[in-house]
């Protein structure tokens, strides 16, 4: 299923995601208009919308038709335009909510970037190359993965001992919990002659199709 892009989806598309209310969807769009959402981690900064678009009071029209010798009626001062709603108040997306909704969302168009590190398969040495992640935290990520199972989405990194929101925001756009490139190896054997044939294909999955990156028969 194609995920909803938090950088471009409208309120209707966002509120269709389980866990995102219409109020939260509106807040995400308003926040996005002020600050670019670089990764899913930035949803942790979304705050409530301040209701500033109240109707302005209309000036008193005064007498309909003044007499010819009446002094001119002073014109009311021009009212400033109503400001756009601004993000204000408490933050709306908790760590638990982000873990619930992150698998249905994305901050990139199409596939995950090829350079994204898969937190479900990367070694501690590779994870330690991420900004803010030292060797101790990298090993904690691998240990959590071995004890609790694969990460359902990147937000589950927040459950790892030593991980905090500051580090998570640094790495949110550089990691992925999904595998989209696979190597498929198939072997056939003719029982009577013992002849064997192997083929290997490497594919990259798309939302509704796949790309063949490599195909070999001479194995």
C-alpha atoms as a PDB file:
ATOM      1  CA  UNK A   1       0.000   0.000   0.000  1.00  0.00           C
ATOM      2  CA  UNK A   2       1.322   3.423  -0.968  1.00  0.00           C
ATOM      3  CA  UNK A   3       2.141   5.598   2.007  1.00  0.00           C
ATOM      4  CA  UNK A   4       0.903   9.156   2.579  1.00  0.00           C
ATOM      5  CA  UNK A   5       3.521  11.843   1.978  1.00  0.00           C
ATOM      6  CA  UNK A   6       3.556  14.312   4.876  1.00  0.00           C
ATOM      7  CA  UNK A   7       5.212  16.940   2.672  1.00  0.00           C
ATOM      8  CA  UNK A   8       2.425  17.139   0.121  1.00  0.00           C
ATOM      9  CA  UNK A   9      -0.742  15.365   1.328  1.00  0.00           C
ATOM     10  CA  UNK A  10      -3.796  17.491   2.056  1.00  0.00           C
ATOM     11  CA  UNK A  11      -5.844  17.363   5.256  1.00  0.00           C
ATOM     12  CA  UNK A  12      -8.229  14.773   3.816  1.00  0.00           C
ATOM     13  CA  UNK A  13      -5.444  12.336   2.899  1.00  0.00           C
ATOM     14  CA  UNK A  14      -3.693  12.788   6.234  1.00  0.00           C
ATOM     15  CA  UNK A  15      -6.857  12.293   8.292  1.00  0.00           C
ATOM     16  CA  UNK A  16      -7.495   9.015   6.428  1.00  0.00           C
ATOM     17  CA  UNK A  17      -4.452   7.547   8.196  1.00  0.00           C
ATOM     18  CA  UNK A  18      -5.527   5.608  11.319  1.00  0.00           C
ATOM     19  CA  UNK A  19      -4.504   7.617  14.362  1.00  0.00           C
ATOM     20  CA  UNK A  20      -4.540  11.040  12.662  1.00  0.00           C
ATOM     21  CA  UNK A  21      -7.603  13.107  13.559  1.00  0.00           C
ATOM     22  CA  UNK A  22      -8.902  15.955  11.340  1.00  0.00           C
ATOM     23  CA  UNK A  23      -7.574  18.420  13.925  1.00  0.00           C
ATOM     24  CA  UNK A  24      -4.114  16.864  13.808  1.00  0.00           C
ATOM     25  CA  UNK A  25      -4.184  16.775   9.997  1.00  0.00           C
ATOM     26  CA  UNK A  26      -4.953  20.505   9.948  1.00  0.00           C
ATOM     27  CA  UNK A  27      -2.140  21.177  12.408  1.00  0.00           C
ATOM     28  CA  UNK A  28       0.325  19.195  10.268  1.00  0.00           C
ATOM     29  CA  UNK A  29      -0.563  21.186   7.142  1.00  0.00           C
ATOM     30  CA  UNK A  30      -0.342  24.495   9.029  1.00  0.00           C
ATOM     31  CA  UNK A  31       3.014  23.570  10.546  1.00  0.00           C
ATOM     32  CA  UNK A  32       4.250  22.401   7.146  1.00  0.00           C
ATOM     33  CA  UNK A  33       3.423  25.791   5.645  1.00  0.00           C
ATOM     34  CA  UNK A  34       5.783  27.383   8.173  1.00  0.00           C
ATOM     35  CA  UNK A  35       8.511  24.739   8.468  1.00  0.00           C
ATOM     36  CA  UNK A  36       9.503  22.033   5.995  1.00  0.00           C
ATOM     37  CA  UNK A  37       9.020  18.486   7.246  1.00  0.00           C
ATOM     38  CA  UNK A  38      12.338  16.872   6.373  1.00  0.00           C
ATOM     39  CA  UNK A  39      11.500  13.493   7.919  1.00  0.00           C
ATOM     40  CA  UNK A  40       8.885  11.704   9.997  1.00  0.00           C
ATOM     41  CA  UNK A  41      10.840  12.757  13.086  1.00  0.00           C
ATOM     42  CA  UNK A  42       9.761  16.362  12.478  1.00  0.00           C
ATOM     43  CA  UNK A  43       6.157  15.385  13.263  1.00  0.00           C
ATOM     44  CA  UNK A  44       7.197  15.403  16.925  1.00  0.00           C
ATOM     45  CA  UNK A  45       7.376  19.223  16.682  1.00  0.00           C
ATOM     46  CA  UNK A  46       3.852  19.764  15.302  1.00  0.00           C
ATOM     47  CA  UNK A  47       1.793  21.960  17.617  1.00  0.00           C
ATOM     48  CA  UNK A  48      -1.838  23.036  17.810  1.00  0.00           C
ATOM     49  CA  UNK A  49      -3.160  25.753  15.500  1.00  0.00           C
ATOM     50  CA  UNK A  50      -3.818  29.097  17.201  1.00  0.00           C
ATOM     51  CA  UNK A  51      -7.300  30.410  16.205  1.00  0.00           C
ATOM     52  CA  UNK A  52      -6.381  33.907  14.973  1.00  0.00           C
ATOM     53  CA  UNK A  53      -8.741  34.222  12.027  1.00  0.00           C
ATOM     54  CA  UNK A  54     -11.623  35.790  13.918  1.00  0.00           C
ATOM     55  CA  UNK A  55     -13.964  38.104  11.909  1.00  0.00           C
ATOM     56  CA  UNK A  56     -13.048  41.761  12.314  1.00  0.00           C
ATOM     57  CA  UNK A  57     -15.759  44.124  13.660  1.00  0.00           C
ATOM     58  CA  UNK A  58     -17.384  46.304  11.030  1.00  0.00           C
ATOM     59  CA  UNK A  59     -17.228  50.102  11.509  1.00  0.00           C
ATOM     60  CA  UNK A  60     -20.428  52.026  12.250  1.00  0.00           C
ATOM     61  CA  UNK A  61     -21.698  53.337   8.895  1.00  0.00           C
ATOM     62  CA  UNK A  62     -22.944  56.622  10.484  1.00  0.00           C
ATOM     63  CA  UNK A  63     -25.684  58.779   8.908  1.00  0.00           C
ATOM     64  CA  UNK A  64     -26.817  57.613   5.516  1.00  0.00           C
ATOM     65  CA  UNK A  65     -26.891  61.041   3.765  1.00  0.00           C
ATOM     66  CA  UNK A  66     -25.270  64.071   5.505  1.00  0.00           C
ATOM     67  CA  UNK A  67     -26.553  67.578   4.731  1.00  0.00           C
ATOM     68  CA  UNK A  68     -24.697  69.877   2.290  1.00  0.00           C
ATOM     69  CA  UNK A  69     -23.152  71.981   5.112  1.00  0.00           C
ATOM     70  CA  UNK A  70     -22.270  69.064   7.393  1.00  0.00           C
ATOM     71  CA  UNK A  71     -18.578  68.547   8.195  1.00  0.00           C
ATOM     72  CA  UNK A  72     -16.946  65.603   6.456  1.00  0.00           C
ATOM     73  CA  UNK A  73     -17.302  62.297   8.217  1.00  0.00           C
ATOM     74  CA  UNK A  74     -13.918  60.918   9.282  1.00  0.00           C
ATOM     75  CA  UNK A  75     -13.061  57.676   7.583  1.00  0.00           C
ATOM     76  CA  UNK A  76     -12.371  54.693   9.856  1.00  0.00           C
ATOM     77  CA  UNK A  77      -8.798  53.495  10.029  1.00  0.00           C
ATOM     78  CA  UNK A  78      -8.015  50.652   7.674  1.00  0.00           C
ATOM     79  CA  UNK A  79      -8.107  47.330   9.495  1.00  0.00           C
ATOM     80  CA  UNK A  80      -5.114  45.033   9.052  1.00  0.00           C
ATOM     81  CA  UNK A  81      -5.717  41.776   7.260  1.00  0.00           C
ATOM     82  CA  UNK A  82      -6.405  38.817   9.491  1.00  0.00           C
ATOM     83  CA  UNK A  83      -3.198  36.846  10.042  1.00  0.00           C
ATOM     84  CA  UNK A  84      -2.874  33.258   8.990  1.00  0.00           C
ATOM     85  CA  UNK A  85      -3.273  30.695  11.760  1.00  0.00           C
ATOM     86  CA  UNK A  86       0.009  30.043  13.515  1.00  0.00           C
ATOM     87  CA  UNK A  87       1.268  26.884  15.232  1.00  0.00           C
ATOM     88  CA  UNK A  88       1.091  27.393  18.986  1.00  0.00           C
ATOM     89  CA  UNK A  89       0.477  25.492  22.176  1.00  0.00           C
ATOM     90  CA  UNK A  90       1.429  21.964  23.194  1.00  0.00           C
ATOM     91  CA  UNK A  91       2.946  19.457  20.798  1.00  0.00           C
ATOM     92  CA  UNK A  92       0.374  17.068  19.363  1.00  0.00           C
ATOM     93  CA  UNK A  93       2.387  14.030  18.265  1.00  0.00           C
ATOM     94  CA  UNK A  94       3.749  11.902  21.084  1.00  0.00           C
ATOM     95  CA  UNK A  95       6.386   9.227  20.636  1.00  0.00           C
ATOM     96  CA  UNK A  96       3.733   6.531  21.055  1.00  0.00           C
ATOM     97  CA  UNK A  97       1.496   8.108  18.404  1.00  0.00           C
ATOM     98  CA  UNK A  98       4.408   8.425  15.989  1.00  0.00           C
ATOM     99  CA  UNK A  99       5.180   4.725  16.431  1.00  0.00           C
ATOM    100  CA  UNK A 100       1.525   3.985  15.618  1.00  0.00           C
ATOM    101  CA  UNK A 101       1.262   6.086  12.444  1.00  0.00           C
ATOM    102  CA  UNK A 102       4.789   6.103  11.009  1.00  0.00           C
ATOM    103  CA  UNK A 103       4.392   2.946   8.908  1.00  0.00           C
ATOM    104  CA  UNK A 104       1.601   4.602   6.898  1.00  0.00           C
ATOM    105  CA  UNK A 105       3.567   7.806   6.265  1.00  0.00           C
ATOM    106  CA  UNK A 106       6.616   8.920   4.321  1.00  0.00           C
ATOM    107  CA  UNK A 107       8.554  12.135   3.838  1.00  0.00           C
ATOM    108  CA  UNK A 108       9.951  11.246   0.407  1.00  0.00           C
ATOM    109  CA  UNK A 109       8.360  10.849  -2.996  1.00  0.00           C
ATOM    110  CA  UNK A 110       8.356   7.306  -4.350  1.00  0.00           C
ATOM    111  CA  UNK A 111      10.837   4.916  -2.789  1.00  0.00           C
ATOM    112  CA  UNK A 112      13.131   5.385   0.151  1.00  0.00           C
ATOM    113  CA  UNK A 113      16.410   6.995  -0.971  1.00  0.00           C
ATOM    114  CA  UNK A 114      18.976   4.342  -1.985  1.00  0.00           C
ATOM    115  CA  UNK A 115      21.412   5.721   0.599  1.00  0.00           C
ATOM    116  CA  UNK A 116      19.025   5.145   3.528  1.00  0.00           C
ATOM    117  CA  UNK A 117      20.416   2.740   6.125  1.00  0.00           C
ATOM    118  CA  UNK A 118      18.074  -0.133   6.941  1.00  0.00           C
ATOM    119  CA  UNK A 119      17.869  -0.336  10.736  1.00  0.00           C
ATOM    120  CA  UNK A 120      16.607  -3.925  10.495  1.00  0.00           C
ATOM    121  CA  UNK A 121      19.712  -5.257   8.762  1.00  0.00           C
ATOM    122  CA  UNK A 122      22.584  -2.804   9.265  1.00  0.00           C
ATOM    123  CA  UNK A 123      25.482  -3.809  11.488  1.00  0.00           C
ATOM    124  CA  UNK A 124      26.545  -1.800  14.520  1.00  0.00           C
ATOM    125  CA  UNK A 125      29.542  -0.518  12.547  1.00  0.00           C
ATOM    126  CA  UNK A 126      27.279   0.894   9.834  1.00  0.00           C
ATOM    127  CA  UNK A 127      24.790   2.360  12.313  1.00  0.00           C
ATOM    128  CA  UNK A 128      27.638   4.106  14.135  1.00  0.00           C
ATOM    129  CA  UNK A 129      28.246   6.148  10.968  1.00  0.00           C
ATOM    130  CA  UNK A 130      24.941   7.974  11.493  1.00  0.00           C
ATOM    131  CA  UNK A 131      25.112  11.484  13.009  1.00  0.00           C
ATOM    132  CA  UNK A 132      24.704  11.418  16.778  1.00  0.00           C
ATOM    133  CA  UNK A 133      25.000   7.617  16.980  1.00  0.00           C
ATOM    134  CA  UNK A 134      28.098   6.395  18.791  1.00  0.00           C
ATOM    135  CA  UNK A 135      29.273   2.796  18.998  1.00  0.00           C
ATOM    136  CA  UNK A 136      27.438   2.195  22.274  1.00  0.00           C
ATOM    137  CA  UNK A 137      24.094   3.365  20.869  1.00  0.00           C
ATOM    138  CA  UNK A 138      24.666   1.440  17.643  1.00  0.00           C
ATOM    139  CA  UNK A 139      25.211  -1.745  19.625  1.00  0.00           C
ATOM    140  CA  UNK A 140      22.093  -0.989  21.680  1.00  0.00           C
ATOM    141  CA  UNK A 141      20.059  -0.744  18.459  1.00  0.00           C
ATOM    142  CA  UNK A 142      21.331  -4.132  17.288  1.00  0.00           C
ATOM    143  CA  UNK A 143      20.718  -5.656  20.732  1.00  0.00           C
ATOM    144  CA  UNK A 144      17.144  -4.346  20.796  1.00  0.00           C
ATOM    145  CA  UNK A 145      16.551  -5.747  17.324  1.00  0.00           C
ATOM    146  CA  UNK A 146      17.787  -9.180  18.395  1.00  0.00           C
ATOM    147  CA  UNK A 147      15.713  -9.277  21.588  1.00  0.00           C
ATOM    148  CA  UNK A 148      12.471  -7.597  20.488  1.00  0.00           C
ATOM    149  CA  UNK A 149      12.430  -8.447  16.790  1.00  0.00           C
ATOM    150  CA  UNK A 150      12.515  -6.239  13.726  1.00  0.00           C
ATOM    151  CA  UNK A 151      11.588  -2.557  14.001  1.00  0.00           C
ATOM    152  CA  UNK A 152       8.075  -2.057  12.508  1.00  0.00           C
ATOM    153  CA  UNK A 153       9.086   1.484  11.486  1.00  0.00           C
ATOM    154  CA  UNK A 154      11.827   3.976  12.256  1.00  0.00           C
ATOM    155  CA  UNK A 155       9.902   5.557  15.152  1.00  0.00           C
ATOM    156  CA  UNK A 156      10.505   2.406  17.183  1.00  0.00           C
ATOM    157  CA  UNK A 157      14.125   3.491  17.514  1.00  0.00           C
ATOM    158  CA  UNK A 158      12.816   5.732  20.299  1.00  0.00           C
ATOM    159  CA  UNK A 159      12.396   2.589  22.421  1.00  0.00           C
ATOM    160  CA  UNK A 160      16.127   1.881  22.349  1.00  0.00           C
ATOM    161  CA  UNK A 161      18.048   2.771  25.502  1.00  0.00           C
ATOM    162  CA  UNK A 162      20.175   5.836  24.796  1.00  0.00           C
ATOM    163  CA  UNK A 163      18.053   7.085  21.884  1.00  0.00           C
ATOM    164  CA  UNK A 164      16.402  10.478  22.374  1.00  0.00           C
ATOM    165  CA  UNK A 165      14.376  12.818  20.198  1.00  0.00           C
ATOM    166  CA  UNK A 166      17.371  15.016  19.415  1.00  0.00           C
ATOM    167  CA  UNK A 167      19.370  12.125  17.953  1.00  0.00           C
ATOM    168  CA  UNK A 168      16.276  10.666  16.286  1.00  0.00           C
ATOM    169  CA  UNK A 169      15.656  13.935  14.430  1.00  0.00           C
ATOM    170  CA  UNK A 170      19.236  13.913  13.131  1.00  0.00           C
ATOM    171  CA  UNK A 171      18.927  10.433  11.637  1.00  0.00           C
ATOM    172  CA  UNK A 172      15.227  10.330  10.707  1.00  0.00           C
ATOM    173  CA  UNK A 173      15.822  11.182   7.035  1.00  0.00           C
ATOM    174  CA  UNK A 174      18.810   8.830   6.758  1.00  0.00           C
ATOM    175  CA  UNK A 175      17.291   5.536   7.914  1.00  0.00           C
ATOM    176  CA  UNK A 176      14.590   3.122   6.812  1.00  0.00           C
ATOM    177  CA  UNK A 177      12.885   0.079   8.296  1.00  0.00           C
ATOM    178  CA  UNK A 178      11.826  -1.350   4.937  1.00  0.00           C
ATOM    179  CA  UNK A 179      13.677  -3.550   2.493  1.00  0.00           C
ATOM    180  CA  UNK A 180      12.891  -2.759  -1.135  1.00  0.00           C
ATOM    181  CA  UNK A 181      15.774  -4.525  -2.899  1.00  0.00           C
ATOM    182  CA  UNK A 182      15.882  -8.324  -2.956  1.00  0.00           C
ATOM    183  CA  UNK A 183      18.085 -11.043  -4.468  1.00  0.00           C
ATOM    184  CA  UNK A 184      16.164 -14.074  -5.740  1.00  0.00           C
ATOM    185  CA  UNK A 185      18.095 -17.267  -6.430  1.00  0.00           C
ATOM    186  CA  UNK A 186      16.392 -20.178  -8.207  1.00  0.00           C
ATOM    187  CA  UNK A 187      17.832 -23.598  -9.070  1.00  0.00           C
ATOM    188  CA  UNK A 188      16.421 -26.313 -11.297  1.00  0.00           C
ATOM    189  CA  UNK A 189      17.636 -29.917 -11.605  1.00  0.00           C
ATOM    190  CA  UNK A 190      16.949 -32.652 -14.139  1.00  0.00           C
ATOM    191  CA  UNK A 191      16.806 -35.861 -12.085  1.00  0.00           C
ATOM    192  CA  UNK A 192      17.571 -38.255 -14.932  1.00  0.00           C
ATOM    193  CA  UNK A 193      20.761 -36.528 -16.045  1.00  0.00           C
ATOM    194  CA  UNK A 194      21.709 -34.602 -12.933  1.00  0.00           C
ATOM    195  CA  UNK A 195      21.954 -31.369 -14.929  1.00  0.00           C
ATOM    196  CA  UNK A 196      21.466 -28.199 -12.897  1.00  0.00           C
ATOM    197  CA  UNK A 197      20.731 -24.626 -13.817  1.00  0.00           C
ATOM    198  CA  UNK A 198      20.767 -21.580 -11.560  1.00  0.00           C
ATOM    199  CA  UNK A 199      19.442 -18.109 -12.179  1.00  0.00           C
ATOM    200  CA  UNK A 200      19.774 -15.023 -10.037  1.00  0.00           C
ATOM    201  CA  UNK A 201      17.683 -11.882 -10.232  1.00  0.00           C
ATOM    202  CA  UNK A 202      17.920  -8.698  -8.188  1.00  0.00           C
ATOM    203  CA  UNK A 203      14.738  -6.633  -8.025  1.00  0.00           C
ATOM    204  CA  UNK A 204      13.656  -3.381  -6.420  1.00  0.00           C
ATOM    205  CA  UNK A 205      10.033  -3.187  -5.345  1.00  0.00           C
ATOM    206  CA  UNK A 206       7.716  -0.302  -6.198  1.00  0.00           C
ATOM    207  CA  UNK A 207       4.203   0.320  -4.790  1.00  0.00           C
ATOM    208  CA  UNK A 208       2.529  -1.576  -7.658  1.00  0.00           C
ATOM    209  CA  UNK A 209       5.394  -3.086  -9.678  1.00  0.00           C
ATOM    210  CA  UNK A 210       9.117  -3.858  -9.530  1.00  0.00           C
ATOM    211  CA  UNK A 211      12.325  -3.021 -11.387  1.00  0.00           C
ATOM    212  CA  UNK A 212      14.810  -5.687 -12.467  1.00  0.00           C
ATOM    213  CA  UNK A 213      18.289  -4.482 -11.529  1.00  0.00           C
ATOM    214  CA  UNK A 214      20.250  -7.604 -12.479  1.00  0.00           C
ATOM    215  CA  UNK A 215      19.675 -10.977 -14.142  1.00  0.00           C
ATOM    216  CA  UNK A 216      22.218 -13.812 -14.426  1.00  0.00           C
ATOM    217  CA  UNK A 217      22.083 -17.391 -15.671  1.00  0.00           C
ATOM    218  CA  UNK A 218      25.787 -18.269 -15.684  1.00  0.00           C
ATOM    219  CA  UNK A 219      26.010 -19.347 -12.047  1.00  0.00           C
END
